[in-house]
Amino acid sequence: MGDTLRSTPTCTFLNLKLLLDRDNYEYGVCIKNVNDAIAPFAIGDSGYPGFNPPRSFGLEFSYSK
């Protein structure tokens, strides 16, 4: 049997999360994959090889007494 190991390219993902805490409220914004990096050999949430998720944005809000 031949050697089936292949080297995979190095890839860096940058995620950001900014939070503002004021009184009993917390506001936030998050960005995943800020640099929109492409890694064809990334392991997804399912655990199977595939492509990485694209850049995405999100908002957060929470309240506590």
PDB file of N, CA and C in Angstrom:
ATOM      1  N   MET A   1       0.843  -1.179   0.000  1.00  0.00           N
ATOM      2  CA  MET A   1       0.000   0.000   0.000  1.00  0.00           C
ATOM      3  C   MET A   1       0.886   1.240   0.000  1.00  0.00           C
ATOM      4  N   GLY A   2       0.447   2.230  -0.742  1.00  0.00           N
ATOM      5  CA  GLY A   2       1.199   3.481  -0.821  1.00  0.00           C
ATOM      6  C   GLY A   2       0.871   4.413   0.345  1.00  0.00           C
ATOM      7  N   ASP A   3       1.669   5.407   0.470  1.00  0.00           N
ATOM      8  CA  ASP A   3       1.465   6.410   1.515  1.00  0.00           C
ATOM      9  C   ASP A   3       0.345   7.354   1.077  1.00  0.00           C
ATOM     10  N   THR A   4      -0.721   7.442   1.861  1.00  0.00           N
ATOM     11  CA  THR A   4      -1.869   8.281   1.499  1.00  0.00           C
ATOM     12  C   THR A   4      -1.906   9.588   2.283  1.00  0.00           C
ATOM     13  N   LEU A   5      -0.895   9.852   3.085  1.00  0.00           N
ATOM     14  CA  LEU A   5      -0.875  11.094   3.865  1.00  0.00           C
ATOM     15  C   LEU A   5      -0.504  12.266   2.966  1.00  0.00           C
ATOM     16  N   ARG A   6      -1.254  13.357   3.092  1.00  0.00           N
ATOM     17  CA  ARG A   6      -0.974  14.570   2.343  1.00  0.00           C
ATOM     18  C   ARG A   6      -0.850  15.722   3.319  1.00  0.00           C
ATOM     19  N   SER A   7       0.025  16.638   3.014  1.00  0.00           N
ATOM     20  CA  SER A   7       0.111  17.819   3.876  1.00  0.00           C
ATOM     21  C   SER A   7      -1.045  18.752   3.525  1.00  0.00           C
ATOM     22  N   THR A   8      -1.560  19.417   4.534  1.00  0.00           N
ATOM     23  CA  THR A   8      -2.660  20.360   4.321  1.00  0.00           C
ATOM     24  C   THR A   8      -2.134  21.783   4.487  1.00  0.00           C
ATOM     25  N   PRO A   9      -2.690  22.713   3.739  1.00  0.00           N
ATOM     26  CA  PRO A   9      -2.224  24.099   3.848  1.00  0.00           C
ATOM     27  C   PRO A   9      -2.582  24.697   5.205  1.00  0.00           C
ATOM     28  N   THR A  10      -1.754  25.611   5.678  1.00  0.00           N
ATOM     29  CA  THR A  10      -2.018  26.310   6.927  1.00  0.00           C
ATOM     30  C   THR A  10      -3.014  27.432   6.667  1.00  0.00           C
ATOM     31  N   CYS A  11      -3.958  27.579   7.569  1.00  0.00           N
ATOM     32  CA  CYS A  11      -4.972  28.611   7.414  1.00  0.00           C
ATOM     33  C   CYS A  11      -5.298  29.189   8.792  1.00  0.00           C
ATOM     34  N   THR A  12      -5.461  30.494   8.862  1.00  0.00           N
ATOM     35  CA  THR A  12      -5.790  31.148  10.125  1.00  0.00           C
ATOM     36  C   THR A  12      -7.145  31.829  10.007  1.00  0.00           C
ATOM     37  N   PHE A  13      -8.013  31.545  10.966  1.00  0.00           N
ATOM     38  CA  PHE A  13      -9.321  32.182  11.016  1.00  0.00           C
ATOM     39  C   PHE A  13      -9.301  33.241  12.102  1.00  0.00           C
ATOM     40  N   LEU A  14      -9.936  34.360  11.839  1.00  0.00           N
ATOM     41  CA  LEU A  14     -10.004  35.442  12.811  1.00  0.00           C
ATOM     42  C   LEU A  14     -11.468  35.689  13.165  1.00  0.00           C
ATOM     43  N   ASN A  15     -11.810  35.540  14.449  1.00  0.00           N
ATOM     44  CA  ASN A  15     -13.154  35.788  14.950  1.00  0.00           C
ATOM     45  C   ASN A  15     -13.091  36.947  15.942  1.00  0.00           C
ATOM     46  N   LEU A  16     -14.079  37.837  15.896  1.00  0.00           N
ATOM     47  CA  LEU A  16     -14.139  38.970  16.814  1.00  0.00           C
ATOM     48  C   LEU A  16     -15.467  38.995  17.546  1.00  0.00           C
ATOM     49  N   LYS A  17     -15.418  39.445  18.800  1.00  0.00           N
ATOM     50  CA  LYS A  17     -16.637  39.609  19.579  1.00  0.00           C
ATOM     51  C   LYS A  17     -16.450  40.836  20.461  1.00  0.00           C
ATOM     52  N   LEU A  18     -17.316  41.814  20.306  1.00  0.00           N
ATOM     53  CA  LEU A  18     -17.262  43.033  21.096  1.00  0.00           C
ATOM     54  C   LEU A  18     -18.512  43.116  21.956  1.00  0.00           C
ATOM     55  N   LEU A  19     -18.312  43.385  23.260  1.00  0.00           N
ATOM     56  CA  LEU A  19     -19.436  43.453  24.192  1.00  0.00           C
ATOM     57  C   LEU A  19     -19.460  44.800  24.891  1.00  0.00           C
ATOM     58  N   LEU A  20     -20.657  45.317  25.125  1.00  0.00           N
ATOM     59  CA  LEU A  20     -20.870  46.528  25.904  1.00  0.00           C
ATOM     60  C   LEU A  20     -21.780  46.164  27.060  1.00  0.00           C
ATOM     61  N   ASP A  21     -21.277  46.348  28.263  1.00  0.00           N
ATOM     62  CA  ASP A  21     -22.041  46.008  29.464  1.00  0.00           C
ATOM     63  C   ASP A  21     -22.478  47.311  30.126  1.00  0.00           C
ATOM     64  N   ARG A  22     -23.790  47.522  30.201  1.00  0.00           N
ATOM     65  CA  ARG A  22     -24.307  48.763  30.764  1.00  0.00           C
ATOM     66  C   ARG A  22     -25.504  48.454  31.643  1.00  0.00           C
ATOM     67  N   ASP A  23     -25.431  48.861  32.907  1.00  0.00           N
ATOM     68  CA  ASP A  23     -26.474  48.573  33.890  1.00  0.00           C
ATOM     69  C   ASP A  23     -26.746  47.070  33.894  1.00  0.00           C
ATOM     70  N   ASN A  24     -27.970  46.672  33.621  1.00  0.00           N
ATOM     71  CA  ASN A  24     -28.319  45.245  33.592  1.00  0.00           C
ATOM     72  C   ASN A  24     -28.362  44.677  32.178  1.00  0.00           C
ATOM     73  N   TYR A  25     -27.910  45.447  31.208  1.00  0.00           N
ATOM     74  CA  TYR A  25     -27.983  45.032  29.808  1.00  0.00           C
ATOM     75  C   TYR A  25     -26.589  44.748  29.271  1.00  0.00           C
ATOM     76  N   GLU A  26     -26.553  43.841  28.335  1.00  0.00           N
ATOM     77  CA  GLU A  26     -25.305  43.542  27.639  1.00  0.00           C
ATOM     78  C   GLU A  26     -25.606  43.474  26.143  1.00  0.00           C
ATOM     79  N   TYR A  27     -24.877  44.252  25.367  1.00  0.00           N
ATOM     80  CA  TYR A  27     -25.044  44.294  23.922  1.00  0.00           C
ATOM     81  C   TYR A  27     -23.763  43.772  23.290  1.00  0.00           C
ATOM     82  N   GLY A  28     -23.892  43.103  22.187  1.00  0.00           N
ATOM     83  CA  GLY A  28     -22.700  42.583  21.546  1.00  0.00           C
ATOM     84  C   GLY A  28     -22.848  42.417  20.052  1.00  0.00           C
ATOM     85  N   VAL A  29     -21.730  42.416  19.400  1.00  0.00           N
ATOM     86  CA  VAL A  29     -21.668  42.135  17.970  1.00  0.00           C
ATOM     87  C   VAL A  29     -20.514  41.147  17.769  1.00  0.00           C
ATOM     88  N   CYS A  30     -20.719  40.191  16.873  1.00  0.00           N
ATOM     89  CA  CYS A  30     -19.663  39.221  16.611  1.00  0.00           C
ATOM     90  C   CYS A  30     -19.514  39.011  15.103  1.00  0.00           C
ATOM     91  N   ILE A  31     -18.295  38.737  14.711  1.00  0.00           N
ATOM     92  CA  ILE A  31     -17.983  38.449  13.314  1.00  0.00           C
ATOM     93  C   ILE A  31     -17.120  37.196  13.298  1.00  0.00           C
ATOM     94  N   LYS A  32     -17.560  36.191  12.569  1.00  0.00           N
ATOM     95  CA  LYS A  32     -16.788  34.961  12.416  1.00  0.00           C
ATOM     96  C   LYS A  32     -16.105  34.972  11.053  1.00  0.00           C
ATOM     97  N   ASN A  33     -14.872  34.496  11.035  1.00  0.00           N
ATOM     98  CA  ASN A  33     -14.069  34.439   9.811  1.00  0.00           C
ATOM     99  C   ASN A  33     -13.939  35.837   9.195  1.00  0.00           C
ATOM    100  N   VAL A  34     -13.460  36.791   9.998  1.00  0.00           N
ATOM    101  CA  VAL A  34     -13.319  38.184   9.580  1.00  0.00           C
ATOM    102  C   VAL A  34     -12.511  38.303   8.298  1.00  0.00           C
ATOM    103  N   ASN A  35     -11.424  37.576   8.196  1.00  0.00           N
ATOM    104  CA  ASN A  35     -10.559  37.659   7.024  1.00  0.00           C
ATOM    105  C   ASN A  35     -11.057  36.825   5.845  1.00  0.00           C
ATOM    106  N   ASP A  36     -12.222  36.214   5.986  1.00  0.00           N
ATOM    107  CA  ASP A  36     -12.859  35.412   4.930  1.00  0.00           C
ATOM    108  C   ASP A  36     -11.891  34.370   4.361  1.00  0.00           C
ATOM    109  N   ALA A  37     -11.168  33.711   5.262  1.00  0.00           N
ATOM    110  CA  ALA A  37     -10.188  32.700   4.867  1.00  0.00           C
ATOM    111  C   ALA A  37     -10.883  31.469   4.288  1.00  0.00           C
ATOM    112  N   ILE A  38     -10.225  30.845   3.343  1.00  0.00           N
ATOM    113  CA  ILE A  38     -10.752  29.636   2.714  1.00  0.00           C
ATOM    114  C   ILE A  38      -9.822  28.485   3.052  1.00  0.00           C
ATOM    115  N   ALA A  39     -10.367  27.460   3.687  1.00  0.00           N
ATOM    116  CA  ALA A  39      -9.588  26.274   4.050  1.00  0.00           C
ATOM    117  C   ALA A  39     -10.332  25.036   3.553  1.00  0.00           C
ATOM    118  N   PRO A  40      -9.979  24.526   2.391  1.00  0.00           N
ATOM    119  CA  PRO A  40     -10.718  23.404   1.814  1.00  0.00           C
ATOM    120  C   PRO A  40     -10.634  22.107   2.611  1.00  0.00           C
ATOM    121  N   PHE A  41      -9.715  22.022   3.569  1.00  0.00           N
ATOM    122  CA  PHE A  41      -9.590  20.795   4.339  1.00  0.00           C
ATOM    123  C   PHE A  41     -10.028  20.971   5.788  1.00  0.00           C
ATOM    124  N   ALA A  42     -10.826  22.009   6.069  1.00  0.00           N
ATOM    125  CA  ALA A  42     -11.281  22.281   7.438  1.00  0.00           C
ATOM    126  C   ALA A  42     -12.263  21.208   7.892  1.00  0.00           C
ATOM    127  N   ILE A  43     -12.297  20.957   9.186  1.00  0.00           N
ATOM    128  CA  ILE A  43     -13.272  20.037   9.759  1.00  0.00           C
ATOM    129  C   ILE A  43     -14.452  20.863  10.243  1.00  0.00           C
ATOM    130  N   GLY A  44     -15.624  20.618   9.696  1.00  0.00           N
ATOM    131  CA  GLY A  44     -16.815  21.374  10.060  1.00  0.00           C
ATOM    132  C   GLY A  44     -17.406  20.910  11.378  1.00  0.00           C
ATOM    133  N   ASP A  45     -18.528  21.514  11.770  1.00  0.00           N
ATOM    134  CA  ASP A  45     -19.217  21.159  13.010  1.00  0.00           C
ATOM    135  C   ASP A  45     -19.631  19.686  13.026  1.00  0.00           C
ATOM    136  N   SER A  46     -19.873  19.121  11.858  1.00  0.00           N
ATOM    137  CA  SER A  46     -20.318  17.732  11.789  1.00  0.00           C
ATOM    138  C   SER A  46     -19.174  16.743  12.016  1.00  0.00           C
ATOM    139  N   GLY A  47     -17.924  17.229  11.974  1.00  0.00           N
ATOM    140  CA  GLY A  47     -16.784  16.347  12.158  1.00  0.00           C
ATOM    141  C   GLY A  47     -16.266  15.748  10.868  1.00  0.00           C
ATOM    142  N   TYR A  48     -16.901  16.066   9.746  1.00  0.00           N
ATOM    143  CA  TYR A  48     -16.476  15.545   8.452  1.00  0.00           C
ATOM    144  C   TYR A  48     -15.714  16.613   7.689  1.00  0.00           C
ATOM    145  N   PRO A  49     -14.747  16.219   6.867  1.00  0.00           N
ATOM    146  CA  PRO A  49     -13.999  17.200   6.086  1.00  0.00           C
ATOM    147  C   PRO A  49     -14.923  17.961   5.145  1.00  0.00           C
ATOM    148  N   GLY A  50     -14.640  19.213   4.956  1.00  0.00           N
ATOM    149  CA  GLY A  50     -15.431  20.032   4.047  1.00  0.00           C
ATOM    150  C   GLY A  50     -14.882  21.436   4.009  1.00  0.00           C
ATOM    151  N   PHE A  51     -15.636  22.338   3.484  1.00  0.00           N
ATOM    152  CA  PHE A  51     -15.210  23.726   3.411  1.00  0.00           C
ATOM    153  C   PHE A  51     -15.617  24.464   4.681  1.00  0.00           C
ATOM    154  N   ASN A  52     -14.818  25.469   5.031  1.00  0.00           N
ATOM    155  CA  ASN A  52     -15.122  26.264   6.215  1.00  0.00           C
ATOM    156  C   ASN A  52     -16.338  27.157   5.957  1.00  0.00           C
ATOM    157  N   PRO A  53     -17.001  27.631   7.003  1.00  0.00           N
ATOM    158  CA  PRO A  53     -18.142  28.523   6.808  1.00  0.00           C
ATOM    159  C   PRO A  53     -17.677  29.900   6.323  1.00  0.00           C
ATOM    160  N   PRO A  54     -18.500  30.596   5.548  1.00  0.00           N
ATOM    161  CA  PRO A  54     -18.132  31.926   5.073  1.00  0.00           C
ATOM    162  C   PRO A  54     -18.188  32.946   6.215  1.00  0.00           C
ATOM    163  N   ARG A  55     -17.755  34.151   5.932  1.00  0.00           N
ATOM    164  CA  ARG A  55     -17.823  35.231   6.926  1.00  0.00           C
ATOM    165  C   ARG A  55     -19.280  35.416   7.350  1.00  0.00           C
ATOM    166  N   SER A  56     -19.507  35.582   8.651  1.00  0.00           N
ATOM    167  CA  SER A  56     -20.864  35.788   9.147  1.00  0.00           C
ATOM    168  C   SER A  56     -20.863  36.806  10.279  1.00  0.00           C
ATOM    169  N   PHE A  57     -21.993  37.476  10.451  1.00  0.00           N
ATOM    170  CA  PHE A  57     -22.158  38.525  11.448  1.00  0.00           C
ATOM    171  C   PHE A  57     -23.284  38.148  12.396  1.00  0.00           C
ATOM    172  N   GLY A  58     -23.193  38.601  13.642  1.00  0.00           N
ATOM    173  CA  GLY A  58     -24.259  38.317  14.593  1.00  0.00           C
ATOM    174  C   GLY A  58     -24.382  39.425  15.627  1.00  0.00           C
ATOM    175  N   LEU A  59     -25.567  39.525  16.209  1.00  0.00           N
ATOM    176  CA  LEU A  59     -25.842  40.483  17.274  1.00  0.00           C
ATOM    177  C   LEU A  59     -26.282  39.725  18.501  1.00  0.00           C
ATOM    178  N   GLU A  60     -25.927  40.233  19.679  1.00  0.00           N
ATOM    179  CA  GLU A  60     -26.313  39.612  20.931  1.00  0.00           C
ATOM    180  C   GLU A  60     -26.932  40.656  21.849  1.00  0.00           C
ATOM    181  N   PHE A  61     -27.866  40.199  22.641  1.00  0.00           N
ATOM    182  CA  PHE A  61     -28.486  41.067  23.632  1.00  0.00           C
ATOM    183  C   PHE A  61     -28.864  40.217  24.822  1.00  0.00           C
ATOM    184  N   SER A  62     -28.566  40.691  26.027  1.00  0.00           N
ATOM    185  CA  SER A  62     -28.986  39.952  27.221  1.00  0.00           C
ATOM    186  C   SER A  62     -29.320  40.944  28.327  1.00  0.00           C
ATOM    187  N   TYR A  63     -30.163  40.478  29.231  1.00  0.00           N
ATOM    188  CA  TYR A  63     -30.602  41.264  30.371  1.00  0.00           C
ATOM    189  C   TYR A  63     -30.533  40.390  31.612  1.00  0.00           C
ATOM    190  N   SER A  64     -30.011  40.949  32.696  1.00  0.00           N
ATOM    191  CA  SER A  64     -29.976  40.189  33.948  1.00  0.00           C
ATOM    192  C   SER A  64     -30.370  41.111  35.097  1.00  0.00           C
ATOM    193  N   LYS A  65     -31.024  40.549  36.081  1.00  0.00           N
ATOM    194  CA  LYS A  65     -31.455  41.339  37.249  1.00  0.00           C
ATOM    195  C   LYS A  65     -30.399  41.369  38.299  1.00  0.00           C
TER     196      LYS A  65
END
